[in-house]
Amino acid sequence: MSCLTASGSSKPAPPFYRPRHPERTALYRLVEDAFEDYERIHPDRYEPRCGPLRDVVRRDVFAYLACGRPLGGFARIRCPRCRGEHLLAFSCRTRNLCPSCQAKRSAVFAEWVAEHVLAGVAHRHVVFTVPKSVRGLIERERRLHGLMAKAAWETLRDALSGAALEPDGVPGAVVSLQTFGSFGANFHPHLHVLASEGVFTKDGRFHPVIWPEETELEERFRRRYLLFLERAGRLRPETHERLLSWTHSGFSVKTTQRLAAGERARLERLARYATRVVLAVGALTLLDGGRVRVETAPDPRSQSTVLEMDRLDLVHAVCQQIPDAGMHMVRYYGAYSCRTRARLAEARSVLARGTPTPDVPPDPVELLPAEVSFEDALDSTAPGSAQALRRQAWARMLRKVFEVDPMVCPRCSVEMEVVAWITKPSVIDAILSHRRERGLVSPFEARAPPAA
């Protein structure tokens, strides 16, 4: 029955949340069916080249297989008006594995960067890549990817500060560490950087610069990163000298994408691209004989857009994209670091003869990966707590990405309330069995309201 407005015209009912079914996707079925075989053969087939299977991979795979499924736990939510109850399955919030959770995390990051981090000045999208001879080192030791980000930042800092002729000036940069390329989740560590096209001084003023040549940045980056690798004990001095002698170094710095001041929509799109999912949901097809087909970007040589491979090789490629526990995949440098950002905001407010700005709010992107049990979450319900911010950000991104709100009752269109967090397996089984007996197939289908 449609709702009627005051003028008598029909108003369509607002869309409401329907649970997704990850178990129906090709990626889920692949991981569910093949991960046990992958674990078994990993020591012989993959460990000699890539190192032992990391504990974080097992943990995240098991979390992904429970993501969005009531069997992995759920919240009981109730409508205060009709008293109907629903089950809202937990999300795994893994990084670079679950397409749904990574899409939401990417939206959180893009919104945060555009609204709270980047100043209203021109920016450049800079992409840093390294040669294949170095990528294997990063695959075995992920902290070297962090050194790559540090080398890229120092390259931009020195080049832009020198171009501005401001000894105390510092640019701002947001660096996203990405580990995959465009061809079947191949391991390809590189960096996406959103850098200010100029430097900020301590008084809050911005000084634009003429952007340096790519060849200059590339040579600075190559020398600095190879020096870092040698200091870290990962390159012999003779290997360092040999890599410096290459005419075609394999290092690359691309800076052709310029974003003018005020282009927030483009900034958000680029930020989401820099933190996008490894494999799109529809890019994977399971074939007979343990093979899979992956749709890719056009191959530069053959122009082919389809890659066929062994299913275990694809599982390995996907698992290699999972970052180490606690590793920050987004980093803020210079004027965009948290502490400097607050100081510059206060300096700009003084310049404008306004009131000093409040402290910079905590970054929800950094809050999301934190490991908090559901029991601990129940103990941290105070407004403004890290857990409250995390839940608010996750629900807000559901509304933004899918244009629906999981907390809105599909009957009454009013906000529902969480009445219980269900995590105990025996209780989960009892509730789901009861719903099956009542014929409630969909976990978001409400039971009938209690009798008056």
Protein backbone atom coordinates (compact mmCIF):
# COMPACT_ATOMS: atom_id res chain seq x y z
CA MET A 1 0.00 0.00 0.00
CA SER A 2 1.55 3.29 -1.06
CA CYS A 3 1.84 6.31 1.21
CA LEU A 4 -0.18 9.45 0.36
CA THR A 5 1.15 12.95 0.75
CA ALA A 6 -0.94 15.90 1.95
CA SER A 7 -1.84 16.74 -1.64
CA GLY A 8 -3.11 13.21 -2.20
CA SER A 9 -0.30 12.19 -4.57
CA SER A 10 1.27 8.80 -4.21
CA LYS A 11 4.73 8.72 -2.62
CA PRO A 12 6.90 5.67 -3.25
CA ALA A 13 8.07 3.83 -0.17
CA PRO A 14 11.74 4.42 0.68
CA PRO A 15 14.16 1.60 -0.17
CA PHE A 16 15.13 -0.61 2.76
CA TYR A 17 18.01 -2.92 3.44
CA ARG A 18 18.07 -6.42 2.03
CA PRO A 19 20.87 -8.72 3.18
CA ARG A 20 23.47 -9.59 0.61
CA HIS A 21 24.35 -13.22 -0.04
CA PRO A 22 28.15 -13.47 -0.28
CA GLU A 23 27.93 -17.25 -0.51
CA ARG A 24 26.42 -16.85 -3.98
CA THR A 25 29.44 -14.95 -5.39
CA ALA A 26 32.20 -16.68 -7.34
CA LEU A 27 34.96 -15.33 -5.07
CA TYR A 28 33.28 -16.68 -1.94
CA ARG A 29 32.72 -20.11 -3.48
CA LEU A 30 36.32 -20.19 -4.69
CA VAL A 31 37.76 -19.35 -1.28
CA GLU A 32 35.36 -21.68 0.54
CA ASP A 33 36.12 -24.63 -1.74
CA ALA A 34 39.85 -24.14 -2.37
CA PHE A 35 41.40 -22.56 0.73
CA GLU A 36 41.89 -25.88 2.54
CA ASP A 37 43.74 -27.30 -0.50
CA TYR A 38 45.73 -24.06 -0.73
CA GLU A 39 46.84 -24.37 2.91
CA ARG A 40 47.93 -27.96 2.29
CA ILE A 41 50.10 -27.29 -0.77
CA HIS A 42 51.41 -23.86 0.25
CA PRO A 43 54.68 -25.08 1.85
CA ASP A 44 55.81 -26.87 -1.32
CA ARG A 45 54.30 -24.71 -4.05
CA TYR A 46 54.41 -21.13 -2.79
CA GLU A 47 56.56 -20.86 0.34
CA PRO A 48 59.98 -21.06 -1.40
CA ARG A 49 59.18 -17.89 -3.38
CA CYS A 50 56.79 -15.98 -1.12
CA GLY A 51 57.57 -17.13 2.41
CA PRO A 52 55.37 -19.01 4.90
CA LEU A 53 51.62 -18.60 5.02
CA ARG A 54 50.91 -15.71 7.38
CA ASP A 55 48.57 -16.09 10.36
CA VAL A 56 46.67 -12.97 9.30
CA VAL A 57 45.68 -14.73 6.07
CA ARG A 58 44.01 -17.62 7.91
CA ARG A 59 42.29 -15.25 10.32
CA ASP A 60 40.94 -12.97 7.60
CA VAL A 61 39.82 -15.82 5.34
CA PHE A 62 37.76 -17.39 8.15
CA ALA A 63 36.31 -13.96 9.01
CA TYR A 64 35.42 -13.38 5.34
CA LEU A 65 33.63 -16.72 5.10
CA ALA A 66 31.43 -15.63 8.04
CA CYS A 67 30.88 -12.09 6.72
CA GLY A 68 27.26 -11.13 6.10
CA ARG A 69 26.03 -14.57 7.15
CA PRO A 70 23.92 -15.12 10.27
CA LEU A 71 25.90 -18.28 11.05
CA GLY A 72 28.83 -16.00 11.95
CA GLY A 73 26.84 -13.95 14.46
CA PHE A 74 24.35 -11.13 14.22
CA ALA A 75 22.60 -8.29 15.98
CA ARG A 76 18.93 -8.58 16.94
CA ILE A 77 17.29 -5.29 16.05
CA ARG A 78 13.73 -4.29 16.91
CA CYS A 79 11.36 -1.66 15.60
CA PRO A 80 10.03 0.48 18.49
CA ARG A 81 6.75 1.06 16.65
CA CYS A 82 5.62 -2.31 15.25
CA ARG A 83 7.88 -4.37 17.56
CA GLY A 84 9.01 -6.46 14.62
CA GLU A 85 12.45 -8.08 15.03
CA HIS A 86 15.16 -8.60 12.41
CA LEU A 87 18.61 -10.17 12.31
CA LEU A 88 21.50 -8.09 10.99
CA ALA A 89 24.58 -10.22 10.25
CA PHE A 90 28.03 -8.97 11.25
CA SER A 91 30.56 -7.72 8.70
CA CYS A 92 34.11 -9.08 8.69
CA ARG A 93 35.77 -5.72 7.92
CA THR A 94 38.82 -7.49 6.52
CA ARG A 95 41.18 -5.48 4.36
CA ASN A 96 41.78 -6.23 0.67
CA LEU A 97 39.74 -9.44 0.79
CA CYS A 98 36.00 -8.94 1.24
CA PRO A 99 34.68 -6.84 -1.70
CA SER A 100 31.76 -5.47 0.33
CA CYS A 101 33.78 -4.41 3.36
CA GLN A 102 36.60 -2.97 1.28
CA ALA A 103 34.11 -0.91 -0.76
CA LYS A 104 32.70 0.56 2.43
CA ARG A 105 36.16 1.22 3.84
CA SER A 106 37.11 2.93 0.59
CA ALA A 107 34.05 5.18 0.84
CA VAL A 108 34.95 6.06 4.44
CA PHE A 109 38.48 6.97 3.38
CA ALA A 110 37.38 9.09 0.42
CA GLU A 111 34.85 11.03 2.46
CA TRP A 112 37.31 11.58 5.31
CA VAL A 113 40.15 12.77 3.07
CA ALA A 114 38.00 15.14 1.03
CA GLU A 115 36.22 16.63 4.05
CA HIS A 116 38.82 16.71 6.83
CA VAL A 117 42.32 16.33 5.40
CA LEU A 118 42.95 17.93 2.01
CA ALA A 119 43.17 21.72 1.97
CA GLY A 120 41.28 23.73 -0.64
CA VAL A 121 44.32 24.00 -2.94
CA ALA A 122 45.47 22.31 -6.15
CA HIS A 123 46.71 18.71 -5.84
CA ARG A 124 48.50 16.11 -7.92
CA HIS A 125 47.77 12.41 -8.12
CA VAL A 126 51.20 10.79 -8.13
CA VAL A 127 51.84 7.08 -8.73
CA PHE A 128 55.14 5.51 -7.62
CA THR A 129 56.18 2.06 -8.88
CA VAL A 130 59.30 -0.09 -8.49
CA PRO A 131 60.96 -2.69 -10.77
CA LYS A 132 60.11 -6.38 -10.64
CA SER A 133 63.49 -7.15 -9.12
CA VAL A 134 62.42 -5.28 -5.96
CA ARG A 135 58.80 -6.45 -5.75
CA GLY A 136 59.77 -9.90 -4.49
CA LEU A 137 61.50 -8.33 -1.50
CA ILE A 138 58.32 -6.47 -0.59
CA GLU A 139 56.20 -9.59 -1.03
CA ARG A 140 58.29 -11.46 1.53
CA GLU A 141 58.75 -8.52 3.91
CA ARG A 142 55.79 -6.14 3.91
CA ARG A 143 57.47 -3.43 6.00
CA LEU A 144 59.57 -2.60 2.94
CA HIS A 145 56.38 -1.25 1.37
CA GLY A 146 56.28 1.23 4.23
CA LEU A 147 59.88 2.22 3.43
CA MET A 148 58.72 2.80 -0.13
CA ALA A 149 56.08 5.23 1.14
CA LYS A 150 58.68 7.04 3.24
CA ALA A 151 61.03 7.34 0.23
CA ALA A 152 58.20 8.71 -1.92
CA TRP A 153 57.24 11.26 0.72
CA GLU A 154 60.82 12.48 1.19
CA THR A 155 61.20 12.73 -2.58
CA LEU A 156 58.15 14.99 -2.87
CA ARG A 157 59.03 16.96 0.26
CA ASP A 158 62.54 17.87 -0.91
CA ALA A 159 61.51 18.61 -4.50
CA LEU A 160 58.53 20.82 -3.62
CA SER A 161 60.23 22.64 -0.75
CA GLY A 162 63.17 23.41 -3.02
CA ALA A 163 60.90 24.61 -5.82
CA ALA A 164 59.04 26.94 -3.44
CA LEU A 165 62.23 28.51 -2.02
CA GLU A 166 60.66 28.20 1.44
CA PRO A 167 63.11 26.50 3.82
CA ASP A 168 60.39 25.94 6.43
CA GLY A 169 57.66 25.09 3.93
CA VAL A 170 56.26 21.58 3.81
CA PRO A 171 53.80 20.00 1.37
CA GLY A 172 50.94 17.76 2.40
CA ALA A 173 50.59 14.20 1.14
CA VAL A 174 48.19 11.29 1.64
CA VAL A 175 49.76 7.99 0.60
CA SER A 176 47.80 4.82 -0.11
CA LEU A 177 49.83 1.61 -0.26
CA GLN A 178 48.44 -0.71 -2.92
CA THR A 179 49.72 -4.23 -3.58
CA PHE A 180 47.80 -5.43 -6.63
CA GLY A 181 47.83 -4.69 -10.32
CA SER A 182 45.16 -5.01 -12.97
CA PHE A 183 45.83 -8.58 -14.06
CA GLY A 184 44.24 -11.26 -11.89
CA ALA A 185 45.31 -9.79 -8.53
CA ASN A 186 48.99 -9.97 -9.50
CA PHE A 187 51.32 -8.75 -6.74
CA HIS A 188 52.40 -5.27 -7.81
CA PRO A 189 53.31 -2.99 -4.87
CA HIS A 190 52.95 0.68 -5.71
CA LEU A 191 51.76 3.93 -4.18
CA HIS A 192 48.92 6.33 -4.93
CA VAL A 193 49.70 9.78 -3.54
CA LEU A 194 47.50 12.86 -3.30
CA ALA A 195 50.03 15.68 -2.83
CA SER A 196 49.52 19.42 -2.53
CA GLU A 197 50.86 21.39 -5.49
CA GLY A 198 52.93 23.57 -3.22
CA VAL A 199 54.01 23.96 0.41
CA PHE A 200 52.47 25.27 3.62
CA THR A 201 54.43 27.52 5.97
CA LYS A 202 54.04 27.69 9.74
CA ASP A 203 51.81 30.76 9.50
CA GLY A 204 49.23 28.69 7.60
CA ARG A 205 49.89 30.23 4.18
CA PHE A 206 50.07 28.10 1.04
CA HIS A 207 52.78 28.73 -1.57
CA PRO A 208 52.12 27.10 -4.98
CA VAL A 209 55.04 25.83 -7.04
CA ILE A 210 55.82 24.87 -10.60
CA TRP A 211 55.54 21.09 -10.50
CA PRO A 212 58.89 19.25 -10.94
CA GLU A 213 59.60 17.09 -13.97
CA GLU A 214 58.77 13.40 -13.68
CA THR A 215 62.35 12.42 -14.58
CA GLU A 216 63.69 14.46 -11.66
CA LEU A 217 61.25 12.88 -9.20
CA GLU A 218 61.94 9.40 -10.57
CA GLU A 219 65.71 9.72 -10.09
CA ARG A 220 65.31 11.14 -6.57
CA PHE A 221 62.91 8.32 -5.66
CA ARG A 222 65.10 5.58 -7.11
CA ARG A 223 68.24 6.69 -5.25
CA ARG A 224 66.45 7.23 -1.96
CA TYR A 225 64.56 3.93 -1.93
CA LEU A 226 67.58 1.85 -2.92
CA LEU A 227 69.54 3.57 -0.16
CA PHE A 228 66.79 2.68 2.33
CA LEU A 229 66.87 -0.96 1.20
CA GLU A 230 70.64 -1.16 1.61
CA ARG A 231 70.46 0.41 5.09
CA ALA A 232 67.75 -2.11 6.00
CA GLY A 233 70.10 -4.93 5.04
CA ARG A 234 67.97 -6.03 2.09
CA LEU A 235 70.37 -5.01 -0.70
CA ARG A 236 74.08 -5.73 -1.00
CA PRO A 237 76.22 -2.70 -1.93
CA GLU A 238 77.12 -4.27 -5.27
CA THR A 239 73.44 -4.93 -6.07
CA HIS A 240 72.68 -1.33 -5.14
CA GLU A 241 75.32 -0.07 -7.57
CA ARG A 242 74.12 -2.41 -10.31
CA LEU A 243 70.52 -1.18 -10.01
CA LEU A 244 71.71 2.42 -10.16
CA SER A 245 73.60 1.67 -13.36
CA TRP A 246 70.52 0.49 -15.29
CA THR A 247 69.56 2.82 -18.14
CA HIS A 248 65.94 1.75 -17.83
CA SER A 249 65.65 1.58 -14.08
CA GLY A 250 62.15 0.12 -13.76
CA PHE A 251 61.27 2.87 -11.29
CA SER A 252 58.44 5.13 -12.35
CA VAL A 253 56.79 8.33 -11.10
CA LYS A 254 53.67 9.52 -12.93
CA THR A 255 52.22 12.94 -12.06
CA THR A 256 50.02 13.86 -15.00
CA GLN A 257 46.69 14.03 -13.12
CA ARG A 258 46.18 17.52 -11.71
CA LEU A 259 43.19 18.43 -9.54
CA ALA A 260 42.30 22.09 -9.28
CA ALA A 261 41.21 23.63 -5.99
CA GLY A 262 37.61 22.82 -5.14
CA GLU A 263 37.30 19.61 -7.22
CA ARG A 264 35.99 17.57 -4.31
CA ALA A 265 34.07 15.06 -6.44
CA ARG A 266 37.23 14.18 -8.39
CA LEU A 267 39.24 13.94 -5.19
CA GLU A 268 36.74 11.48 -3.75
CA ARG A 269 36.78 9.38 -6.91
CA LEU A 270 40.58 9.24 -6.91
CA ALA A 271 40.67 8.41 -3.21
CA ARG A 272 38.24 5.55 -3.74
CA TYR A 273 40.29 4.32 -6.70
CA ALA A 274 43.43 4.35 -4.55
CA THR A 275 41.75 2.05 -1.99
CA ARG A 276 39.51 0.03 -4.31
CA VAL A 277 38.72 -3.69 -4.07
CA VAL A 278 41.18 -6.23 -5.40
CA LEU A 279 38.68 -8.07 -7.63
CA ALA A 280 35.31 -6.75 -8.70
CA VAL A 281 32.42 -9.06 -7.79
CA GLY A 282 31.54 -9.79 -11.40
CA ALA A 283 35.10 -10.20 -12.67
CA LEU A 284 35.48 -13.85 -11.70
CA THR A 285 34.00 -16.96 -13.33
CA LEU A 286 34.54 -20.52 -12.06
CA LEU A 287 35.32 -23.06 -14.77
CA ASP A 288 35.47 -26.84 -14.85
CA GLY A 289 38.69 -28.67 -14.05
CA GLY A 290 39.82 -26.37 -11.24
CA ARG A 291 40.26 -23.38 -13.52
CA VAL A 292 38.99 -19.79 -13.17
CA ARG A 293 38.55 -16.94 -15.62
CA VAL A 294 39.24 -13.35 -14.56
CA GLU A 295 38.21 -10.26 -16.49
CA THR A 296 41.08 -7.76 -16.50
CA ALA A 297 42.12 -4.46 -18.00
CA PRO A 298 43.38 -4.78 -21.61
CA ASP A 299 46.81 -6.39 -21.76
CA PRO A 300 49.30 -3.85 -23.18
CA ARG A 301 50.71 -6.41 -25.62
CA SER A 302 47.85 -8.68 -26.66
CA GLN A 303 44.91 -6.39 -25.74
CA SER A 304 43.25 -9.44 -24.18
CA THR A 305 40.80 -8.70 -21.36
CA VAL A 306 40.46 -12.27 -20.06
CA LEU A 307 42.93 -14.26 -17.98
CA GLU A 308 42.47 -17.99 -17.31
CA MET A 309 44.41 -19.57 -14.45
CA ASP A 310 44.51 -22.38 -11.90
CA ARG A 311 42.12 -21.79 -9.01
CA LEU A 312 44.83 -22.27 -6.36
CA ASP A 313 47.05 -19.70 -8.06
CA LEU A 314 44.21 -17.18 -7.85
CA VAL A 315 43.55 -17.99 -4.19
CA HIS A 316 47.26 -17.40 -3.56
CA ALA A 317 47.19 -14.11 -5.49
CA VAL A 318 44.19 -12.88 -3.49
CA CYS A 319 45.68 -13.93 -0.14
CA GLN A 320 48.91 -12.11 -0.94
CA GLN A 321 46.96 -8.83 -1.03
CA ILE A 322 45.98 -9.12 2.64
CA PRO A 323 48.15 -6.68 4.62
CA ASP A 324 49.96 -7.64 7.79
CA ALA A 325 48.04 -7.08 11.01
CA GLY A 326 48.50 -3.54 12.27
CA MET A 327 50.08 -2.28 9.06
CA HIS A 328 48.76 1.15 8.05
CA MET A 329 47.80 1.10 4.38
CA VAL A 330 47.03 4.84 4.36
CA ARG A 331 49.60 7.30 5.66
CA TYR A 332 49.50 11.06 6.18
CA TYR A 333 52.64 13.14 5.79
CA GLY A 334 53.77 16.74 6.20
CA ALA A 335 51.01 19.29 6.36
CA TYR A 336 48.42 16.48 6.26
CA SER A 337 49.76 14.58 9.26
CA CYS A 338 47.36 14.77 12.18
CA ARG A 339 49.48 17.00 14.44
CA THR A 340 50.62 19.41 11.70
CA ARG A 341 47.10 19.59 10.27
CA ALA A 342 45.78 20.85 13.60
CA ARG A 343 48.55 23.45 13.97
CA LEU A 344 48.06 24.79 10.45
CA ALA A 345 44.29 24.97 10.91
CA GLU A 346 44.81 27.07 14.04
CA ALA A 347 47.32 29.32 12.25
CA ARG A 348 44.86 29.89 9.38
CA SER A 349 42.12 30.79 11.83
CA VAL A 350 44.40 33.38 13.43
CA LEU A 351 45.17 34.83 10.00
CA ALA A 352 41.46 35.13 9.35
CA ARG A 353 40.99 36.74 12.81
CA GLY A 354 38.61 34.00 13.76
CA THR A 355 38.38 31.68 16.69
CA PRO A 356 40.99 28.91 16.88
CA THR A 357 39.59 25.72 15.44
CA PRO A 358 38.88 22.73 17.68
CA ASP A 359 41.05 19.65 17.70
CA VAL A 360 41.06 17.60 14.51
CA PRO A 361 38.54 14.75 14.90
CA PRO A 362 39.84 11.18 15.00
CA ASP A 363 40.29 9.47 11.66
CA PRO A 364 37.55 6.84 11.13
CA VAL A 365 39.69 5.09 8.51
CA GLU A 366 42.25 4.30 11.21
CA LEU A 367 39.47 3.28 13.62
CA LEU A 368 37.93 0.74 11.27
CA PRO A 369 40.73 -1.86 11.17
CA ALA A 370 40.96 -2.04 14.99
CA GLU A 371 40.22 -5.45 16.44
CA VAL A 372 37.41 -5.06 18.98
CA SER A 373 35.34 -8.01 20.12
CA PHE A 374 31.60 -7.67 20.19
CA GLU A 375 31.68 -8.12 23.98
CA ASP A 376 34.08 -5.17 24.28
CA ALA A 377 31.89 -3.13 21.96
CA LEU A 378 28.99 -3.59 24.35
CA ASP A 379 31.07 -2.05 27.14
CA SER A 380 31.94 1.05 25.07
CA THR A 381 28.60 2.64 24.30
CA ALA A 382 29.44 6.21 25.31
CA PRO A 383 28.84 8.75 22.52
CA GLY A 384 32.09 9.65 20.82
CA SER A 385 33.92 6.45 21.80
CA ALA A 386 36.04 4.69 19.20
CA GLN A 387 33.51 1.86 18.95
CA ALA A 388 30.59 4.27 18.57
CA LEU A 389 32.42 6.18 15.84
CA ARG A 390 33.22 2.94 14.05
CA ARG A 391 29.59 1.79 14.05
CA GLN A 392 28.36 5.22 12.96
CA ALA A 393 30.85 5.35 10.09
CA TRP A 394 29.94 1.83 8.93
CA ALA A 395 26.19 2.55 8.91
CA ARG A 396 26.75 5.90 7.20
CA MET A 397 28.75 4.23 4.43
CA LEU A 398 26.01 1.67 3.91
CA ARG A 399 23.63 4.57 3.34
CA LYS A 400 26.09 6.30 1.02
CA VAL A 401 27.18 3.29 -1.04
CA PHE A 402 23.91 1.37 -1.25
CA GLU A 403 21.43 4.23 -0.62
CA VAL A 404 19.74 2.24 2.12
CA ASP A 405 19.89 2.25 5.90
CA PRO A 406 20.09 -1.19 7.58
CA MET A 407 18.60 0.27 10.76
CA VAL A 408 15.35 1.48 9.14
CA CYS A 409 12.30 -0.74 9.61
CA PRO A 410 10.93 -1.90 6.22
CA ARG A 411 7.39 -1.77 7.62
CA CYS A 412 7.36 1.55 9.46
CA SER A 413 10.37 3.43 8.05
CA VAL A 414 11.50 4.36 11.58
CA GLU A 415 14.92 3.71 13.09
CA MET A 416 15.26 0.39 14.86
CA GLU A 417 17.16 -0.40 18.05
CA VAL A 418 19.74 -3.09 18.80
CA VAL A 419 18.39 -5.34 21.56
CA ALA A 420 21.14 -8.01 21.62
CA TRP A 421 24.44 -9.05 20.07
CA ILE A 422 24.38 -12.79 19.34
CA THR A 423 27.83 -14.40 19.17
CA LYS A 424 27.51 -17.72 21.02
CA PRO A 425 27.28 -20.60 18.50
CA SER A 426 24.62 -22.53 20.44
CA VAL A 427 22.38 -19.46 20.66
CA ILE A 428 22.95 -18.67 16.97
CA ASP A 429 21.92 -22.20 15.99
CA ALA A 430 18.83 -22.10 18.22
CA ILE A 431 17.58 -18.80 16.81
CA LEU A 432 18.21 -19.74 13.18
CA SER A 433 16.57 -23.14 13.66
CA HIS A 434 13.52 -21.48 15.20
CA ARG A 435 13.25 -19.05 12.26
CA ARG A 436 13.51 -21.88 9.75
CA GLU A 437 10.69 -23.71 11.53
CA ARG A 438 8.58 -20.56 11.35
CA GLY A 439 9.27 -20.26 7.61
CA LEU A 440 11.32 -17.05 7.89
CA VAL A 441 13.89 -17.80 5.21
CA SER A 442 15.37 -14.32 4.89
CA PRO A 443 17.34 -13.23 7.99
CA PHE A 444 16.01 -9.70 7.52
CA GLU A 445 12.40 -10.80 7.25
CA ALA A 446 10.70 -9.67 10.42
CA ARG A 447 8.72 -12.02 12.61
CA ALA A 448 5.17 -11.02 13.38
CA PRO A 449 4.70 -8.43 16.13
CA PRO A 450 3.80 -9.90 19.53
CA ALA A 451 0.11 -10.32 20.24
CA ALA A 452 -1.52 -7.49 22.16
